C-alpha cells in the first residue's frame, strides 16, 4: 500500500478522487494555502466548526504576512514579485 492510499486516524480524505496533499504538492501550493485547502476539504467529515475557524485563522495569517511582504518591498523601492 502506498502512503497516498493509507490514511492515519480517520477516512475523511478517502472520498476524494485526489487527496488534498497530492493536489497541493503537484501544484506547488505554499504551506498556508495548502492548509486552507486541507481544512476546507475535511471540515464536514472531521473537524467541523473548528476546521472552519482554522481556515479563517490561516486566511488572516496569509493576509497579515502578505501585507508585511508588500510593505517591505514598497519601503525598499523594489517591485513586488
N, C-alpha and C. Protein backbone atom coordinates (compact mmCIF):
# COMPACT_ATOMS: atom_id res chain seq x y z
N UNK A 1 0.84 -1.18 0.00
CA UNK A 1 0.00 0.00 0.00
C UNK A 1 0.89 1.25 0.00
N UNK A 2 0.57 2.20 -0.88
CA UNK A 2 1.35 3.43 -0.94
C UNK A 2 0.91 4.38 0.18
N UNK A 3 1.77 5.32 0.49
CA UNK A 3 1.45 6.29 1.53
C UNK A 3 0.22 7.11 1.16
N UNK A 4 0.00 7.38 -0.12
CA UNK A 4 -1.18 8.15 -0.54
C UNK A 4 -2.47 7.35 -0.35
N UNK A 5 -2.37 6.04 -0.38
CA UNK A 5 -3.56 5.19 -0.20
C UNK A 5 -3.87 4.98 1.28
N UNK A 6 -2.88 5.21 2.13
CA UNK A 6 -3.03 4.98 3.57
C UNK A 6 -3.40 6.29 4.26
N UNK A 7 -4.32 6.20 5.20
CA UNK A 7 -4.67 7.38 5.99
C UNK A 7 -4.70 6.98 7.46
N UNK A 8 -4.03 7.77 8.26
CA UNK A 8 -3.97 7.53 9.69
C UNK A 8 -5.09 8.34 10.36
N UNK A 9 -5.79 7.72 11.29
CA UNK A 9 -6.81 8.39 12.12
C UNK A 9 -7.96 8.98 11.31
N UNK A 10 -8.73 8.12 10.72
CA UNK A 10 -9.93 8.58 10.03
C UNK A 10 -9.94 8.22 8.56
N UNK A 11 -11.01 8.61 7.90
CA UNK A 11 -11.13 8.37 6.46
C UNK A 11 -11.70 9.59 5.75
N UNK A 12 -11.48 10.76 6.33
CA UNK A 12 -12.06 11.99 5.82
C UNK A 12 -11.52 12.43 4.47
N UNK A 13 -10.43 11.85 3.99
CA UNK A 13 -9.92 12.19 2.65
C UNK A 13 -10.22 11.08 1.64
N UNK A 14 -10.68 9.95 2.09
CA UNK A 14 -10.88 8.79 1.21
C UNK A 14 -11.92 9.05 0.12
N UNK A 15 -12.85 9.95 0.35
CA UNK A 15 -13.93 10.16 -0.63
C UNK A 15 -13.49 10.96 -1.85
N UNK A 16 -12.30 11.53 -1.78
CA UNK A 16 -11.82 12.36 -2.89
C UNK A 16 -11.11 11.54 -3.95
N UNK A 17 -11.26 11.94 -5.20
CA UNK A 17 -10.55 11.31 -6.31
C UNK A 17 -9.05 11.51 -6.17
N UNK A 18 -8.68 12.69 -5.71
CA UNK A 18 -7.27 13.02 -5.48
C UNK A 18 -7.18 13.60 -4.06
N UNK A 19 -6.23 13.12 -3.28
CA UNK A 19 -6.08 13.59 -1.91
C UNK A 19 -5.58 15.03 -1.92
N UNK A 20 -6.00 15.82 -0.95
CA UNK A 20 -5.53 17.20 -0.89
C UNK A 20 -4.01 17.32 -0.93
N UNK A 21 -3.29 16.45 -0.23
CA UNK A 21 -1.82 16.52 -0.22
C UNK A 21 -1.25 16.31 -1.62
N UNK A 22 -1.86 15.45 -2.39
CA UNK A 22 -1.39 15.21 -3.76
C UNK A 22 -1.64 16.45 -4.63
N UNK A 23 -2.82 17.05 -4.51
CA UNK A 23 -3.15 18.26 -5.25
C UNK A 23 -2.20 19.40 -4.86
N UNK A 24 -1.98 19.55 -3.56
CA UNK A 24 -1.14 20.63 -3.04
C UNK A 24 0.29 20.49 -3.54
N UNK A 25 0.85 19.30 -3.45
CA UNK A 25 2.25 19.12 -3.86
C UNK A 25 2.43 19.18 -5.37
N UNK A 26 1.50 18.60 -6.13
CA UNK A 26 1.62 18.64 -7.59
C UNK A 26 1.51 20.05 -8.15
N UNK A 27 0.84 20.92 -7.41
CA UNK A 27 0.65 22.30 -7.86
C UNK A 27 1.56 23.28 -7.14
N UNK A 28 2.52 22.77 -6.36
CA UNK A 28 3.48 23.62 -5.63
C UNK A 28 2.79 24.73 -4.83
N UNK A 29 1.73 24.37 -4.15
CA UNK A 29 0.98 25.34 -3.37
C UNK A 29 1.71 25.57 -2.05
N UNK A 30 1.92 26.83 -1.68
CA UNK A 30 2.63 27.14 -0.43
C UNK A 30 1.90 26.61 0.81
N UNK A 31 2.62 26.59 1.92
CA UNK A 31 2.17 25.99 3.17
C UNK A 31 0.81 26.52 3.64
N UNK A 32 0.67 27.82 3.77
CA UNK A 32 -0.58 28.37 4.31
C UNK A 32 -1.75 28.05 3.40
N UNK A 33 -1.60 28.27 2.10
CA UNK A 33 -2.67 27.98 1.15
C UNK A 33 -3.00 26.49 1.16
N UNK A 34 -1.97 25.66 1.32
CA UNK A 34 -2.18 24.22 1.38
C UNK A 34 -3.01 23.82 2.59
N UNK A 35 -2.74 24.45 3.72
CA UNK A 35 -3.54 24.15 4.91
C UNK A 35 -4.99 24.60 4.74
N UNK A 36 -5.20 25.70 4.07
CA UNK A 36 -6.57 26.15 3.80
C UNK A 36 -7.30 25.10 2.98
N UNK A 37 -6.64 24.60 1.95
CA UNK A 37 -7.23 23.55 1.10
C UNK A 37 -7.53 22.30 1.93
N UNK A 38 -6.57 21.88 2.74
CA UNK A 38 -6.74 20.69 3.57
C UNK A 38 -7.96 20.82 4.48
N UNK A 39 -8.05 21.93 5.19
CA UNK A 39 -9.16 22.10 6.13
C UNK A 39 -10.50 22.28 5.44
N UNK A 40 -10.54 22.95 4.30
CA UNK A 40 -11.81 23.13 3.61
C UNK A 40 -12.31 21.80 3.05
N UNK A 41 -11.39 20.93 2.69
CA UNK A 41 -11.79 19.61 2.17
C UNK A 41 -12.34 18.70 3.26
N UNK A 42 -11.88 18.84 4.48
CA UNK A 42 -12.24 17.86 5.51
C UNK A 42 -13.23 18.35 6.55
N UNK A 43 -13.59 19.62 6.55
CA UNK A 43 -14.32 20.18 7.68
C UNK A 43 -15.63 19.46 7.98
N UNK A 44 -16.35 19.02 6.97
CA UNK A 44 -17.64 18.34 7.21
C UNK A 44 -17.46 16.95 7.81
N UNK A 45 -16.36 16.29 7.47
CA UNK A 45 -16.14 14.90 7.88
C UNK A 45 -15.23 14.73 9.08
N UNK A 46 -14.55 15.78 9.50
CA UNK A 46 -13.63 15.63 10.62
C UNK A 46 -13.79 16.73 11.66
N UNK A 47 -13.30 17.93 11.37
CA UNK A 47 -13.17 18.94 12.41
C UNK A 47 -14.34 19.87 12.60
N UNK A 48 -15.30 19.86 11.69
CA UNK A 48 -16.47 20.72 11.83
C UNK A 48 -16.12 22.20 11.95
N UNK A 49 -16.78 22.85 12.88
CA UNK A 49 -16.60 24.29 13.06
C UNK A 49 -15.16 24.65 13.42
N UNK A 50 -14.46 23.77 14.14
CA UNK A 50 -13.05 24.04 14.46
C UNK A 50 -12.22 24.16 13.19
N UNK A 51 -12.49 23.31 12.20
CA UNK A 51 -11.76 23.41 10.94
C UNK A 51 -12.09 24.71 10.21
N UNK A 52 -13.34 25.15 10.28
CA UNK A 52 -13.71 26.43 9.67
C UNK A 52 -12.98 27.57 10.37
N UNK A 53 -12.85 27.49 11.69
CA UNK A 53 -12.08 28.50 12.42
C UNK A 53 -10.61 28.48 12.01
N UNK A 54 -10.07 27.29 11.77
CA UNK A 54 -8.67 27.18 11.32
C UNK A 54 -8.50 27.81 9.95
N UNK A 55 -9.47 27.61 9.07
CA UNK A 55 -9.42 28.22 7.73
C UNK A 55 -9.37 29.74 7.87
N UNK A 56 -10.26 30.28 8.69
CA UNK A 56 -10.29 31.73 8.90
C UNK A 56 -8.95 32.20 9.45
N UNK A 57 -8.40 31.48 10.42
CA UNK A 57 -7.12 31.85 11.01
C UNK A 57 -6.01 31.84 9.95
N UNK A 58 -5.97 30.81 9.13
CA UNK A 58 -4.94 30.75 8.08
C UNK A 58 -5.11 31.88 7.06
N UNK A 59 -6.34 32.23 6.73
CA UNK A 59 -6.56 33.35 5.80
C UNK A 59 -6.08 34.65 6.44
N UNK A 60 -6.36 34.83 7.72
CA UNK A 60 -5.89 36.03 8.42
C UNK A 60 -4.36 36.08 8.45
N UNK A 61 -3.73 34.93 8.71
CA UNK A 61 -2.26 34.86 8.68
C UNK A 61 -1.72 35.22 7.30
N UNK A 62 -2.34 34.66 6.28
CA UNK A 62 -1.91 34.92 4.91
C UNK A 62 -2.02 36.41 4.58
N UNK A 63 -3.13 37.02 4.94
CA UNK A 63 -3.30 38.45 4.69
C UNK A 63 -2.26 39.27 5.44
N UNK A 64 -2.04 38.94 6.70
CA UNK A 64 -1.07 39.68 7.51
C UNK A 64 0.34 39.56 6.94
N UNK A 65 0.73 38.35 6.59
CA UNK A 65 2.07 38.14 6.04
C UNK A 65 2.23 38.79 4.67
N UNK A 66 1.17 38.77 3.88
CA UNK A 66 1.23 39.40 2.56
C UNK A 66 1.33 40.91 2.68
N UNK A 67 0.60 41.48 3.61
CA UNK A 67 0.71 42.93 3.85
C UNK A 67 2.13 43.30 4.27
N UNK A 68 2.70 42.49 5.16
CA UNK A 68 4.07 42.73 5.62
C UNK A 68 5.06 42.62 4.46
N UNK A 69 4.89 41.58 3.65
CA UNK A 69 5.78 41.40 2.49
C UNK A 69 5.70 42.59 1.54
N UNK A 70 4.49 43.05 1.28
CA UNK A 70 4.31 44.19 0.38
C UNK A 70 4.90 45.46 0.98
N UNK A 71 4.75 45.64 2.28
CA UNK A 71 5.32 46.81 2.94
C UNK A 71 6.84 46.81 2.85
N UNK A 72 7.44 45.66 3.02
CA UNK A 72 8.90 45.55 2.92
C UNK A 72 9.36 45.89 1.51
N UNK A 73 8.68 45.34 0.50
CA UNK A 73 9.06 45.64 -0.88
C UNK A 73 8.83 47.11 -1.21
N UNK A 74 7.74 47.68 -0.74
CA UNK A 74 7.43 49.07 -1.02
C UNK A 74 8.46 50.00 -0.37
N UNK A 75 8.81 49.71 0.89
CA UNK A 75 9.78 50.56 1.58
C UNK A 75 11.17 50.41 1.01
N UNK A 76 11.45 49.29 0.35
CA UNK A 76 12.75 49.07 -0.26
C UNK A 76 12.77 49.53 -1.71
N UNK A 77 11.66 50.04 -2.19
CA UNK A 77 11.53 50.51 -3.58
C UNK A 77 11.79 49.37 -4.57
N UNK A 78 11.39 48.16 -4.18
CA UNK A 78 11.52 47.01 -5.06
C UNK A 78 10.16 46.69 -5.63
N UNK A 79 10.15 46.05 -6.79
CA UNK A 79 8.89 45.62 -7.36
C UNK A 79 8.43 44.36 -6.65
N UNK A 80 7.14 44.30 -6.34
CA UNK A 80 6.57 43.14 -5.67
C UNK A 80 6.49 42.00 -6.67
N UNK A 81 7.10 40.87 -6.33
CA UNK A 81 7.04 39.72 -7.26
C UNK A 81 5.67 39.07 -7.28
